[in-house]
Protein backbone atom coordinates (compact mmCIF):
# COMPACT_ATOMS: atom_id res chain seq x y z
CA MET A 1 -0.63 58.92 57.53
CA TYR A 2 -1.66 58.27 61.05
CA ARG A 3 -1.68 54.27 60.37
CA ASN A 4 2.12 54.57 59.44
CA THR A 5 3.10 56.66 62.41
CA ILE A 6 1.34 54.05 64.31
CA SER A 7 2.67 51.07 62.68
CA ARG A 8 6.21 52.79 63.00
CA CYS A 9 5.87 52.38 66.59
CA ILE A 10 4.48 49.73 67.39
CA ALA A 11 6.65 47.22 64.90
CA PRO A 12 9.70 48.13 66.60
CA VAL A 13 8.45 47.37 69.85
CA LEU A 14 6.75 43.58 69.01
CA ALA A 15 10.17 42.71 66.93
CA LEU A 16 11.97 43.47 70.45
CA LEU A 17 9.80 40.92 72.04
CA SER A 18 11.48 38.28 70.75
CA GLY A 19 14.53 39.04 73.06
CA SER A 20 15.28 38.85 76.39
CA ALA A 21 13.30 40.41 79.48
CA ALA A 22 16.27 39.91 81.74
CA ALA A 23 19.05 42.03 81.53
CA HIS A 24 21.94 41.55 80.27
CA SER A 25 25.51 40.44 82.06
CA LEU A 26 28.05 43.21 81.48
CA ASP A 27 31.19 40.79 79.39
CA ALA A 28 33.50 41.12 82.41
CA PRO A 29 36.62 41.88 80.43
CA ALA A 30 35.42 44.70 78.25
CA GLY A 31 33.05 45.49 80.90
CA GLY A 32 33.70 49.80 80.79
CA LEU A 33 32.11 52.85 79.72
CA ALA A 34 30.71 50.99 75.95
CA ALA A 35 29.22 48.16 77.73
CA GLY A 36 27.90 50.74 80.30
CA LEU A 37 26.57 52.51 77.55
CA ALA A 38 25.54 49.63 75.58
CA HIS A 39 23.60 47.50 78.07
CA PRO A 40 20.15 49.49 78.30
CA PHE A 41 19.82 49.22 74.80
CA LEU A 42 20.19 44.91 75.26
CA GLY A 43 18.17 44.45 77.92
CA LEU A 44 14.30 44.77 76.35
CA ASP A 45 13.04 45.44 79.79
CA HIS A 46 15.06 48.29 80.33
CA LEU A 47 14.78 49.53 76.79
CA LEU A 48 11.16 49.96 76.93
CA ALA A 49 11.31 51.72 80.32
CA LEU A 50 13.94 54.11 79.62
CA LEU A 51 12.03 55.61 76.06
CA ALA A 52 8.60 55.25 78.15
CA VAL A 53 9.82 58.24 80.36
CA GLY A 54 10.65 59.71 77.46
CA LEU A 55 7.13 59.39 76.45
CA TRP A 56 5.72 60.28 79.60
CA ALA A 57 7.62 63.70 79.82
CA THR A 58 6.35 64.49 76.38
CA GLN A 59 3.17 64.99 78.33
CA HIS A 60 3.66 67.00 80.72
CA SER A 61 5.06 70.61 79.90
CA GLY A 62 7.62 73.53 81.06
CA ARG A 63 10.26 71.95 83.48
CA ALA A 64 8.61 69.18 83.94
CA ARG A 65 9.54 67.40 80.49
CA TRP A 66 13.30 67.53 81.68
CA ALA A 67 12.89 66.88 85.30
CA ILE A 68 10.46 63.42 84.95
CA PRO A 69 14.08 61.83 83.69
CA GLY A 70 15.96 64.30 85.05
CA ALA A 71 14.47 62.17 88.50
CA PHE A 72 14.48 58.37 86.94
CA ALA A 73 18.47 59.73 86.17
CA GLY A 74 19.13 60.78 89.27
CA ALA A 75 17.45 58.53 90.99
CA PHE A 76 19.25 55.59 88.79
CA ALA A 77 22.56 56.86 89.02
CA GLY A 78 22.35 56.89 93.15
CA ALA A 79 20.20 53.16 93.00
CA THR A 80 23.17 52.16 90.49
CA ALA A 81 25.50 52.73 93.65
CA VAL A 82 23.99 51.44 96.81
CA GLY A 83 23.53 48.30 94.64
CA THR A 84 27.05 47.76 93.42
CA ALA A 85 27.87 48.16 97.26
CA LEU A 86 24.99 45.79 98.16
CA ALA A 87 25.68 43.44 95.74
CA ALA A 88 29.74 43.57 97.20
CA ALA A 89 28.50 42.96 101.15
CA GLY A 90 26.45 39.98 99.00
CA ILE A 91 22.98 41.93 99.38
CA VAL A 92 20.43 41.13 96.87
CA LEU A 93 16.89 42.40 96.14
CA PRO A 94 15.00 39.49 94.70
CA ALA A 95 12.55 41.52 93.46
CA ALA A 96 14.38 43.30 91.51
CA GLU A 97 13.37 41.99 87.66
CA ALA A 98 9.76 41.47 88.82
CA ALA A 99 9.86 45.20 89.62
CA ILE A 100 11.31 45.97 86.64
CA ALA A 101 8.63 44.22 84.65
CA VAL A 102 5.98 45.82 86.42
CA SER A 103 7.60 49.53 86.07
CA VAL A 104 7.36 48.58 82.06
CA VAL A 105 3.44 47.95 82.11
CA ILE A 106 2.93 51.04 84.93
CA LEU A 107 4.94 53.13 82.37
CA GLY A 108 3.02 52.06 79.28
CA LEU A 109 0.07 53.01 80.65
CA LEU A 110 0.97 55.92 81.97
CA VAL A 111 1.97 57.41 78.85
CA ALA A 112 -1.22 55.56 76.96
CA ALA A 113 -3.50 57.77 79.51
CA ARG A 114 -2.43 60.69 78.35
CA HIS A 115 -2.65 62.31 81.55
CA ALA A 116 -0.18 64.79 82.82
CA GLN A 117 0.54 64.10 86.79
CA SER A 118 1.38 66.98 89.17
CA LEU A 119 5.16 67.62 88.66
CA PRO A 120 6.41 65.68 92.32
CA ALA A 121 4.06 62.75 91.64
CA ALA A 122 5.34 62.32 88.29
CA MET A 123 9.27 62.87 89.93
CA ALA A 124 8.30 60.57 92.77
CA LEU A 125 7.16 57.98 90.65
CA ALA A 126 9.78 58.05 88.02
CA GLY A 127 12.76 58.28 90.51
CA ALA A 128 10.80 55.06 92.18
CA PHE A 129 10.70 53.15 89.21
CA ALA A 130 14.48 54.28 88.75
CA VAL A 131 15.15 52.47 92.10
CA PHE A 132 14.61 49.17 90.75
CA HIS A 133 16.46 49.54 87.35
CA GLY A 134 19.52 51.21 89.47
CA PHE A 135 19.82 48.42 91.99
CA ALA A 136 19.72 45.64 88.76
CA HIS A 137 22.43 47.32 87.20
CA GLY A 138 24.03 47.86 90.29
CA ILE A 139 24.67 43.86 91.53
CA GLU A 140 25.88 43.79 87.41
CA MET A 141 28.49 46.23 87.99
CA GLN A 142 30.16 43.61 90.19
CA GLN A 143 31.30 41.95 87.45
CA ALA A 144 32.70 44.68 85.51
CA ALA A 145 36.46 45.29 84.78
CA SER A 146 35.79 49.36 85.32
CA PRO A 147 33.06 49.80 87.89
CA LEU A 148 32.70 53.37 87.14
CA ALA A 149 32.99 53.43 83.69
CA ALA A 150 30.55 50.79 83.46
CA GLY A 151 28.37 53.17 85.17
CA ALA A 152 29.27 56.33 83.64
CA GLY A 153 27.97 54.28 80.80
CA PHE A 154 24.80 53.08 82.51
CA VAL A 155 23.25 56.51 83.16
CA LEU A 156 24.97 58.16 79.76
CA GLY A 157 22.72 54.89 77.83
CA THR A 158 19.96 55.76 80.30
CA ALA A 159 20.06 59.47 78.99
CA LEU A 160 19.98 58.39 75.31
CA LEU A 161 17.03 56.53 75.37
CA HIS A 162 14.82 59.25 77.05
CA ALA A 163 15.62 61.27 74.83
CA ALA A 164 14.96 58.84 72.55
CA GLY A 165 11.99 58.79 73.52
CA PHE A 166 11.58 62.37 73.76
CA LEU A 167 11.70 63.03 71.00
CA GLY A 168 9.77 60.46 69.27
CA GLY A 169 6.78 61.50 71.73
CA VAL A 170 7.89 64.86 70.27
CA ALA A 171 7.97 63.72 66.21
CA GLY A 172 4.84 61.32 66.45
CA ARG A 173 2.59 63.03 69.15
CA ARG A 174 -0.72 61.07 67.63
CA ALA A 175 1.23 57.86 67.96
CA VAL A 176 2.25 58.33 71.28
CA PRO A 177 -1.03 56.53 73.33
CA TYR A 178 -0.61 53.40 71.15
CA ALA A 179 3.03 53.38 71.92
CA GLY A 180 2.21 53.71 75.46
CA ALA A 181 -0.53 50.57 75.39
CA ALA A 182 2.07 48.94 73.37
CA ILE A 183 5.08 49.12 76.14
CA ALA A 184 2.46 48.37 78.95
CA ALA A 185 1.10 45.19 76.87
CA SER A 186 5.55 44.36 76.45
CA GLY A 187 6.07 44.36 79.89
CA LEU A 188 2.99 42.53 80.09
CA ALA A 189 4.59 39.76 78.14
CA LEU A 190 7.34 39.94 80.35
CA ILE A 191 5.86 39.18 83.47
CA LEU A 192 3.89 36.53 82.10
CA GLY A 193 7.49 34.84 80.25
CA LEU A 194 6.08 35.34 77.14
């Protein structure tokens, strides 16, 4: 049973390794709510980080279980808005994709370590990682037919992936450290371009 649970957690991550690591561009004519909602599911780097935040939240107790994903979602929404404005002004954060890949590694290691951080530290880390994810999405919002709807979809997709990670972590508690290790290894593969 234990080995089967581990296989169920790691196999999907490995299957996703063949996909693109970078955030995908929105299809401008269809760049509304549906495109924004789908977007976090389509970029491996975003998918892994968002699932990891949910898994990481399961290792905490009390209000931290919702505050950590909440800090990520709030910082993500704010950074998406700022990224959209900066992109409109022609300002680009050159290391956003690299920072996103590094966040995948760090989040995976935090999950694998099974160590609960203090709530302020965990919220600060989640918020810091969210800034890069949000900024990258904000840049892409310039291509959306309806940037506000796409942004709402991004935030909803983010929340759904946090919830999926959280529910998976609760259901497969023993496999969570292995899932964290697989996420960290996948993040390293993204950094190395494998």
